[in-house]
Amino acid sequence: MRTTSRFKMLPALIGAGVFALMTAAQADEPIKIGHVAALSGASAQSGEAITRGLQVAIDEINAAGGLLGGRTIELIQRDDESKPPRGLIAARELIFNEKVAAFFGGIDSPVGLAIVPLANQNETPFIAVWAAATGITRNGADPNFVFRVSAIDALVDVKLLGYANTKFGATKVGLMLINNPWGESNEKGLAAADETNDAVEIVGVETFENGDVDMTPQLTRLKDAGAEAIILVTNTPPGAQMMKSRERMGWTVPVVSHWGIAGGRFPELAGPTAPDAHFVQTYSFFGEQGPVGEKLIAALAAKYDDVDGPGDIMAPVGTANAYDAMHLLALAIEQAGSTDGDAIRQALEDLATPYEGLIKTYDKPFSAENHDALGPEDYIMVHYEGDEVVPTE
């Protein structure tokens, strides 16, 4: 009888042992976090900046013991080539093949907007750390799995119009917008901002394509309309071409830009008038730094041979946003006690622990109604001095 009982117990003991081994193996598996961004082409510098911000934060988290009882974080990247179809393929690979717990999105708003439905349909948290199109986070989904630690067009546009007036005394502005969903987002946002700002009037709206090399006709129309400042919304290559067209015209009108021109080799491509373009950022590594800023600059210098100080930190907004966003995601995973997408979403919407970040101290930065962690009070204006991004206010 005892022998029979022992044989009857054997399957249960084997099953318990297998379960324990599986649980232990799972506990040793890294937590996969994805990143989709332009890692090649004209915006590759921005993609690298985001990569560096994420990786330094991951190094810190892993060095402190990882998450969920000792699991390390592994960053898995895919190149979207600044193309929405490629970005969608990359996001699918991360979700379905790599089984990432969450993923970050990079630079281009059209790419981000293309990925949003996929993230929501598959309940995988998607955190934007550069792209600013309003519809990325305000996408109508319920529940919404898309978050952002970056600027949002609806609020940046208020900043740009106000800055044109207070910094340059402009009462009439012309808009130069890239002809894509990001440009459309900002046209709506700037029109809304204009309605609430009695000091500034939009006197013309012009658009251009990504490959345009001569924007003299558009600028001439804005000049004839009486524009006293240009509001520019585009990325680096066409932004540089606009500056060259302005220079050829001999028109010294101030340029107030969204931050897309910080995403590549703008000083080199635009030439001597590059400093004339003032643009928005969420952080500057110049000036007095807090403890987190000092720590991050030192970590970047130790990890990357091409960084000796603040002036060497490429596309700083990408580094700063990504660094803070990774730490916020880590807090959410720990609070959720799980890598389940919906559990992480709920934790992000109600983070219990404040995070003393690089850009600011985040105290419940998200809610069910608001998935944008940064607001106008977190924006600053900068311009290039040589290759360095320096505050102007």
Protein backbone atom coordinates (compact mmCIF):
# COMPACT_ATOMS: atom_id res chain seq x y z
CA MET A 1 0.00 0.00 0.00
CA ARG A 2 2.80 2.39 0.90
CA THR A 3 4.58 1.57 -2.39
CA THR A 4 1.39 2.20 -4.37
CA SER A 5 0.85 5.49 -2.58
CA ARG A 6 4.39 6.55 -3.33
CA PHE A 7 3.83 5.81 -7.06
CA LYS A 8 0.56 7.74 -6.96
CA MET A 9 2.36 10.74 -5.47
CA LEU A 10 5.16 10.64 -8.04
CA PRO A 11 3.33 12.51 -10.86
CA ALA A 12 2.30 15.24 -8.44
CA LEU A 13 5.86 15.61 -7.18
CA ILE A 14 7.22 15.69 -10.72
CA GLY A 15 4.60 18.27 -11.70
CA ALA A 16 5.46 20.44 -8.71
CA GLY A 17 9.14 20.18 -9.55
CA VAL A 18 8.59 21.12 -13.18
CA PHE A 19 6.43 24.09 -12.13
CA ALA A 20 9.11 25.24 -9.71
CA LEU A 21 11.76 24.97 -12.41
CA MET A 22 9.58 26.88 -14.87
CA THR A 23 8.89 29.59 -12.30
CA ALA A 24 12.59 29.89 -11.48
CA ALA A 25 13.47 30.04 -15.18
CA GLN A 26 10.88 32.74 -15.78
CA ALA A 27 12.24 34.73 -12.86
CA ASP A 28 15.67 34.65 -14.51
CA GLU A 29 14.38 35.82 -17.90
CA PRO A 30 15.05 39.46 -18.76
CA ILE A 31 12.15 41.83 -19.19
CA LYS A 32 12.15 42.82 -22.84
CA ILE A 33 11.52 46.48 -23.61
CA GLY A 34 11.28 47.63 -27.22
CA HIS A 35 12.32 50.78 -29.05
CA VAL A 36 11.13 51.81 -32.53
CA ALA A 37 12.88 54.84 -34.02
CA ALA A 38 14.89 56.13 -36.95
CA LEU A 39 18.24 54.44 -36.45
CA SER A 40 19.41 55.22 -39.98
CA GLY A 41 19.00 58.14 -42.35
CA ALA A 42 18.78 61.87 -41.64
CA SER A 43 17.19 61.43 -38.20
CA ALA A 44 19.53 58.68 -37.00
CA GLN A 45 21.21 61.04 -34.54
CA SER A 46 17.89 61.49 -32.76
CA GLY A 47 17.35 57.74 -32.66
CA GLU A 48 20.79 57.31 -31.13
CA ALA A 49 20.05 60.00 -28.55
CA ILE A 50 16.90 58.17 -27.46
CA THR A 51 18.82 54.90 -27.37
CA ARG A 52 21.41 56.44 -25.06
CA GLY A 53 18.82 57.87 -22.69
CA LEU A 54 17.04 54.52 -22.47
CA GLN A 55 20.24 52.50 -22.08
CA VAL A 56 21.72 54.62 -19.29
CA ALA A 57 18.44 54.38 -17.37
CA ILE A 58 18.34 50.61 -17.95
CA ASP A 59 21.94 50.30 -16.73
CA GLU A 60 20.97 52.12 -13.53
CA ILE A 61 17.89 49.97 -12.96
CA ASN A 62 19.78 46.72 -13.59
CA ALA A 63 22.66 47.79 -11.35
CA ALA A 64 20.16 48.45 -8.57
CA GLY A 65 18.86 44.86 -8.75
CA GLY A 66 16.48 44.95 -11.70
CA LEU A 67 12.71 44.55 -11.39
CA LEU A 68 10.24 41.99 -10.09
CA GLY A 69 12.64 40.20 -7.80
CA GLY A 70 15.83 40.56 -9.78
CA ARG A 71 14.88 40.40 -13.46
CA THR A 72 17.07 42.56 -15.63
CA ILE A 73 15.81 44.74 -18.47
CA GLU A 74 16.86 44.07 -22.06
CA LEU A 75 16.47 46.74 -24.74
CA ILE A 76 15.45 45.47 -28.19
CA GLN A 77 15.50 47.96 -31.05
CA ARG A 78 14.06 48.19 -34.53
CA ASP A 79 14.75 50.82 -37.20
CA ASP A 80 11.65 52.55 -38.59
CA GLU A 81 13.66 54.52 -41.20
CA SER A 82 11.27 57.46 -40.55
CA LYS A 83 8.64 55.58 -42.60
CA PRO A 84 5.18 54.75 -41.15
CA PRO A 85 4.87 51.34 -42.91
CA ARG A 86 8.32 50.33 -41.68
CA GLY A 87 7.50 51.56 -38.19
CA LEU A 88 4.35 49.46 -38.13
CA ILE A 89 6.29 46.37 -39.20
CA ALA A 90 8.92 47.08 -36.54
CA ALA A 91 6.29 47.45 -33.81
CA ARG A 92 4.65 44.18 -34.89
CA GLU A 93 7.99 42.39 -34.64
CA LEU A 94 8.49 43.69 -31.11
CA ILE A 95 4.99 42.79 -29.94
CA PHE A 96 4.50 39.41 -31.60
CA ASN A 97 8.03 38.04 -32.06
CA GLU A 98 9.93 39.54 -29.15
CA LYS A 99 6.98 39.63 -26.71
CA VAL A 100 8.05 42.98 -25.26
CA ALA A 101 6.34 44.15 -22.09
CA ALA A 102 6.20 47.70 -23.46
CA PHE A 103 7.94 49.73 -26.11
CA PHE A 104 9.11 53.25 -26.81
CA GLY A 105 8.51 55.21 -30.00
CA GLY A 106 10.93 57.59 -31.56
CA ILE A 107 10.95 60.68 -33.63
CA ASP A 108 8.43 61.05 -36.43
CA SER A 109 4.78 61.79 -35.66
CA PRO A 110 3.46 60.00 -38.77
CA VAL A 111 5.24 56.85 -37.58
CA GLY A 112 3.88 57.25 -34.06
CA LEU A 113 0.33 57.81 -35.32
CA ALA A 114 0.57 54.65 -37.44
CA ILE A 115 1.63 52.57 -34.43
CA VAL A 116 -1.05 53.83 -32.02
CA PRO A 117 -3.91 51.52 -33.16
CA LEU A 118 -1.62 48.48 -33.04
CA ALA A 119 -0.54 49.23 -29.46
CA ASN A 120 -4.12 49.73 -28.31
CA GLN A 121 -5.47 46.65 -30.10
CA ASN A 122 -2.79 44.43 -28.57
CA GLU A 123 -2.81 46.06 -25.12
CA THR A 124 0.92 46.80 -25.20
CA PRO A 125 2.01 50.06 -23.55
CA PHE A 126 3.61 52.41 -26.09
CA ILE A 127 5.51 55.43 -24.73
CA ALA A 128 6.35 58.29 -27.10
CA VAL A 129 9.56 60.13 -26.21
CA TRP A 130 9.87 62.58 -29.11
CA ALA A 131 6.94 62.70 -31.55
CA ALA A 132 4.57 65.49 -30.51
CA ALA A 133 1.43 65.08 -32.64
CA THR A 134 -1.56 65.66 -30.40
CA GLY A 135 -3.39 62.57 -31.68
CA ILE A 136 -0.71 60.17 -30.49
CA THR A 137 -1.95 60.26 -26.91
CA ARG A 138 -5.34 61.90 -27.48
CA ASN A 139 -6.42 59.07 -29.74
CA GLY A 140 -9.92 58.28 -28.48
CA ALA A 141 -9.12 54.76 -27.29
CA ASP A 142 -10.60 53.49 -24.03
CA PRO A 143 -8.59 52.02 -22.47
CA ASN A 144 -5.66 53.90 -23.95
CA PHE A 145 -2.25 52.19 -23.92
CA VAL A 146 -0.31 55.14 -25.36
CA PHE A 147 1.64 57.49 -23.09
CA ARG A 148 4.11 60.28 -23.71
CA VAL A 149 7.08 61.87 -21.96
CA SER A 150 7.61 64.61 -24.51
CA ALA A 151 6.00 67.76 -25.80
CA ILE A 152 2.48 67.75 -27.24
CA ASP A 153 1.65 69.96 -30.21
CA ALA A 154 -1.48 71.48 -28.71
CA LEU A 155 0.63 72.97 -25.90
CA VAL A 156 3.85 73.62 -27.85
CA ASP A 157 1.90 75.77 -30.31
CA VAL A 158 0.81 78.07 -27.48
CA LYS A 159 4.48 78.40 -26.48
CA LEU A 160 5.70 79.14 -30.04
CA LEU A 161 3.19 81.91 -30.73
CA GLY A 162 3.80 83.52 -27.34
CA TYR A 163 7.56 83.38 -27.80
CA ALA A 164 7.41 85.00 -31.24
CA ASN A 165 5.59 87.91 -29.67
CA THR A 166 7.49 88.30 -26.40
CA LYS A 167 11.00 87.57 -27.73
CA PHE A 168 10.82 89.29 -31.13
CA GLY A 169 7.86 91.62 -30.79
CA ALA A 170 6.10 89.94 -33.71
CA THR A 171 2.38 90.68 -34.03
CA LYS A 172 2.00 88.97 -37.41
CA VAL A 173 3.38 85.47 -38.05
CA GLY A 174 3.50 83.15 -41.02
CA LEU A 175 3.41 79.37 -40.76
CA MET A 176 5.81 77.07 -42.65
CA LEU A 177 4.58 73.51 -42.13
CA ILE A 178 5.72 70.11 -43.39
CA ASN A 179 2.96 68.54 -45.49
CA ASN A 180 2.21 65.47 -43.37
CA PRO A 181 0.04 64.58 -40.35
CA TRP A 182 2.48 66.33 -37.99
CA GLY A 183 2.18 69.56 -39.94
CA GLU A 184 -1.61 69.19 -40.00
CA SER A 185 -1.64 68.63 -36.23
CA ASN A 186 0.28 71.84 -35.68
CA GLU A 187 -1.81 73.87 -38.10
CA LYS A 188 -4.86 73.04 -36.00
CA GLY A 189 -2.96 73.68 -32.77
CA LEU A 190 -1.56 77.02 -33.94
CA ALA A 191 -4.98 78.16 -35.15
CA ALA A 192 -6.44 77.29 -31.74
CA ALA A 193 -3.56 79.06 -29.96
CA ASP A 194 -4.07 82.12 -32.17
CA GLU A 195 -7.69 82.36 -31.06
CA THR A 196 -6.60 82.77 -27.44
CA ASN A 197 -3.66 85.14 -28.11
CA ASP A 198 -4.83 88.65 -29.01
CA ALA A 199 -1.24 89.87 -29.44
CA VAL A 200 -0.47 87.70 -32.48
CA GLU A 201 -2.20 87.15 -35.82
CA ILE A 202 -1.48 84.35 -38.33
CA VAL A 203 -1.25 86.07 -41.73
CA GLY A 204 -0.44 83.06 -43.89
CA VAL A 205 -0.02 79.29 -43.96
CA GLU A 206 2.41 77.59 -46.33
CA THR A 207 3.33 73.92 -46.68
CA PHE A 208 6.23 72.05 -48.26
CA GLU A 209 7.34 68.50 -48.95
CA ASN A 210 10.13 66.64 -47.21
CA GLY A 211 12.29 66.66 -50.35
CA ASP A 212 11.82 70.33 -51.29
CA VAL A 213 15.07 72.27 -51.73
CA ASP A 214 13.69 75.72 -52.66
CA MET A 215 11.01 77.33 -50.50
CA THR A 216 11.44 80.85 -51.83
CA PRO A 217 7.90 81.00 -53.29
CA GLN A 218 6.28 80.12 -49.96
CA LEU A 219 8.49 82.53 -48.02
CA THR A 220 7.86 85.30 -50.54
CA ARG A 221 4.12 84.97 -50.06
CA LEU A 222 4.52 85.18 -46.28
CA LYS A 223 6.78 88.19 -46.59
CA ASP A 224 4.27 89.93 -48.83
CA ALA A 225 1.55 89.15 -46.27
CA GLY A 226 3.52 91.10 -43.67
CA ALA A 227 4.85 88.23 -41.54
CA GLU A 228 7.21 89.49 -38.82
CA ALA A 229 8.22 86.00 -37.70
CA ILE A 230 8.07 82.49 -39.13
CA ILE A 231 6.70 79.56 -37.14
CA LEU A 232 8.44 76.46 -38.54
CA VAL A 233 7.28 72.87 -38.09
CA THR A 234 9.47 70.26 -39.76
CA ASN A 235 12.45 67.96 -39.30
CA THR A 236 16.11 68.67 -40.01
CA PRO A 237 16.63 68.34 -43.81
CA PRO A 238 13.68 70.47 -45.02
CA GLY A 239 14.18 72.84 -42.09
CA ALA A 240 17.74 73.45 -43.24
CA GLN A 241 16.51 74.06 -46.79
CA MET A 242 14.02 76.63 -45.51
CA MET A 243 16.80 78.47 -43.70
CA LYS A 244 18.87 78.49 -46.91
CA SER A 245 15.93 79.83 -48.92
CA ARG A 246 15.44 82.58 -46.34
CA GLU A 247 19.14 83.41 -46.54
CA ARG A 248 19.06 83.60 -50.36
CA MET A 249 16.17 86.06 -50.13
CA GLY A 250 18.13 88.24 -47.73
CA TRP A 251 15.16 88.11 -45.37
CA THR A 252 16.24 88.29 -41.73
CA VAL A 253 12.81 87.45 -40.30
CA PRO A 254 13.02 85.59 -36.94
CA VAL A 255 12.34 81.86 -37.04
CA VAL A 256 10.57 80.14 -34.12
CA SER A 257 10.55 76.39 -34.59
CA HIS A 258 9.20 73.16 -33.22
CA TRP A 259 11.96 70.80 -32.14
CA GLY A 260 12.16 68.67 -35.26
CA ILE A 261 15.20 70.63 -36.43
CA ALA A 262 17.10 69.31 -33.41
CA GLY A 263 16.85 65.79 -34.78
CA GLY A 264 19.94 65.70 -36.99
CA ARG A 265 22.82 67.74 -38.42
CA PHE A 266 20.94 71.05 -38.59
CA PRO A 267 23.91 73.41 -38.02
CA GLU A 268 25.91 71.68 -40.73
CA LEU A 269 23.03 71.51 -43.22
CA ALA A 270 21.58 74.99 -42.60
CA GLY A 271 24.88 76.82 -42.57
CA PRO A 272 25.67 80.17 -40.96
CA THR A 273 22.05 81.18 -40.29
CA ALA A 274 21.31 78.06 -38.18
CA PRO A 275 21.52 80.07 -34.90
CA ASP A 276 18.67 82.29 -36.13
CA ALA A 277 16.19 79.46 -35.58
CA HIS A 278 14.99 79.34 -31.98
CA PHE A 279 13.29 76.06 -31.09
CA VAL A 280 11.51 74.38 -28.22
CA GLN A 281 13.00 71.70 -25.97
CA THR A 282 12.11 69.99 -22.72
CA TYR A 283 15.60 70.09 -21.22
CA SER A 284 19.05 71.65 -21.54
CA PHE A 285 22.26 70.09 -20.27
CA PHE A 286 23.82 73.56 -20.14
CA GLY A 287 23.76 75.72 -17.04
CA GLU A 288 23.50 74.59 -13.45
CA GLN A 289 22.41 70.98 -13.18
CA GLY A 290 20.61 69.19 -10.40
CA PRO A 291 21.86 65.89 -8.99
CA VAL A 292 20.14 63.84 -11.70
CA GLY A 293 21.57 66.00 -14.48
CA GLU A 294 25.07 65.76 -13.08
CA LYS A 295 24.74 62.00 -12.71
CA LEU A 296 23.43 61.52 -16.26
CA ILE A 297 26.14 63.67 -17.87
CA ALA A 298 28.78 61.66 -16.00
CA ALA A 299 27.17 58.36 -17.01
CA LEU A 300 27.01 59.37 -20.68
CA ALA A 301 30.66 60.46 -20.61
CA ALA A 302 31.68 57.16 -19.02
CA LYS A 303 29.68 55.02 -21.44
CA TYR A 304 30.22 56.83 -24.76
CA ASP A 305 33.63 57.87 -26.08
CA ASP A 306 32.25 60.84 -28.01
CA VAL A 307 30.80 62.53 -24.90
CA ASP A 308 33.01 64.73 -22.76
CA GLY A 309 30.44 67.26 -21.61
CA PRO A 310 27.04 68.87 -22.28
CA GLY A 311 28.01 70.09 -25.75
CA ASP A 312 28.58 66.51 -26.90
CA ILE A 313 25.13 65.22 -25.94
CA MET A 314 23.41 64.84 -29.30
CA ALA A 315 19.73 65.74 -29.72
CA PRO A 316 19.45 66.33 -25.94
CA VAL A 317 15.66 66.27 -25.85
CA GLY A 318 15.70 62.63 -26.99
CA THR A 319 18.18 61.64 -24.31
CA ALA A 320 16.36 63.52 -21.55
CA ASN A 321 12.83 62.37 -22.40
CA ALA A 322 13.87 58.75 -22.87
CA TYR A 323 15.84 58.65 -19.63
CA ASP A 324 12.91 59.86 -17.53
CA ALA A 325 10.39 57.73 -19.43
CA MET A 326 12.34 54.52 -18.81
CA HIS A 327 12.45 55.17 -15.09
CA LEU A 328 8.70 55.88 -15.02
CA LEU A 329 8.01 52.63 -16.89
CA ALA A 330 10.21 50.72 -14.42
CA LEU A 331 8.21 52.14 -11.51
CA ALA A 332 4.99 51.04 -13.22
CA ILE A 333 6.23 47.49 -13.84
CA GLU A 334 7.32 47.19 -10.23
CA GLN A 335 4.03 48.59 -8.96
CA ALA A 336 2.06 46.27 -11.26
CA GLY A 337 4.10 43.31 -10.05
CA SER A 338 3.79 41.98 -13.57
CA THR A 339 4.75 42.45 -17.22
CA ASP A 340 1.11 42.21 -18.26
CA GLY A 341 0.30 45.14 -20.55
CA ASP A 342 -2.99 46.10 -18.94
CA ALA A 343 -1.50 45.91 -15.45
CA ILE A 344 1.34 48.22 -16.54
CA ARG A 345 -1.17 50.64 -18.11
CA GLN A 346 -3.17 50.85 -14.91
CA ALA A 347 -0.01 51.38 -12.87
CA LEU A 348 1.17 54.20 -15.15
CA GLU A 349 -2.20 55.90 -14.76
CA ASP A 350 -1.86 55.84 -10.97
CA LEU A 351 1.83 55.78 -10.03
CA ALA A 352 2.06 55.71 -6.28
CA THR A 353 5.72 56.67 -5.98
CA PRO A 354 6.93 60.12 -7.07
CA TYR A 355 10.03 60.06 -9.26
CA GLU A 356 12.69 62.77 -8.95
CA GLY A 357 13.60 62.83 -12.61
CA LEU A 358 15.88 64.78 -14.88
CA ILE A 359 13.29 67.15 -16.33
CA LYS A 360 11.22 67.50 -13.16
CA THR A 361 9.81 65.61 -10.19
CA TYR A 362 6.97 63.45 -11.48
CA ASP A 363 4.12 63.14 -8.98
CA LYS A 364 1.31 61.13 -10.58
CA PRO A 365 2.36 62.32 -14.05
CA PHE A 366 -0.39 60.36 -15.78
CA SER A 367 -4.06 59.67 -15.14
CA ALA A 368 -6.81 57.83 -16.98
CA GLU A 369 -7.70 61.13 -18.67
CA ASN A 370 -4.18 62.52 -19.25
CA HIS A 371 -1.39 60.45 -20.78
CA ASP A 372 1.07 63.35 -21.25
CA ALA A 373 3.62 63.73 -18.47
CA LEU A 374 4.97 67.13 -19.56
CA GLY A 375 3.22 70.48 -19.98
CA PRO A 376 4.05 74.05 -21.07
CA GLU A 377 5.80 74.78 -17.79
CA ASP A 378 8.35 72.11 -18.75
CA TYR A 379 9.25 73.65 -22.15
CA ILE A 380 12.24 75.90 -22.78
CA MET A 381 13.48 77.74 -25.88
CA VAL A 382 16.97 77.19 -27.26
CA HIS A 383 19.11 77.69 -30.35
CA TYR A 384 22.35 76.41 -31.80
CA GLU A 385 25.67 78.03 -30.99
CA GLY A 386 27.96 76.02 -33.21
CA ASP A 387 26.88 72.44 -32.58
CA GLU A 388 25.71 73.16 -29.04
CA VAL A 389 22.08 73.59 -28.03
CA VAL A 390 21.97 76.63 -25.73
CA PRO A 391 18.97 78.21 -23.90
CA THR A 392 17.73 81.58 -25.15
CA GLU A 393 15.58 82.43 -22.13
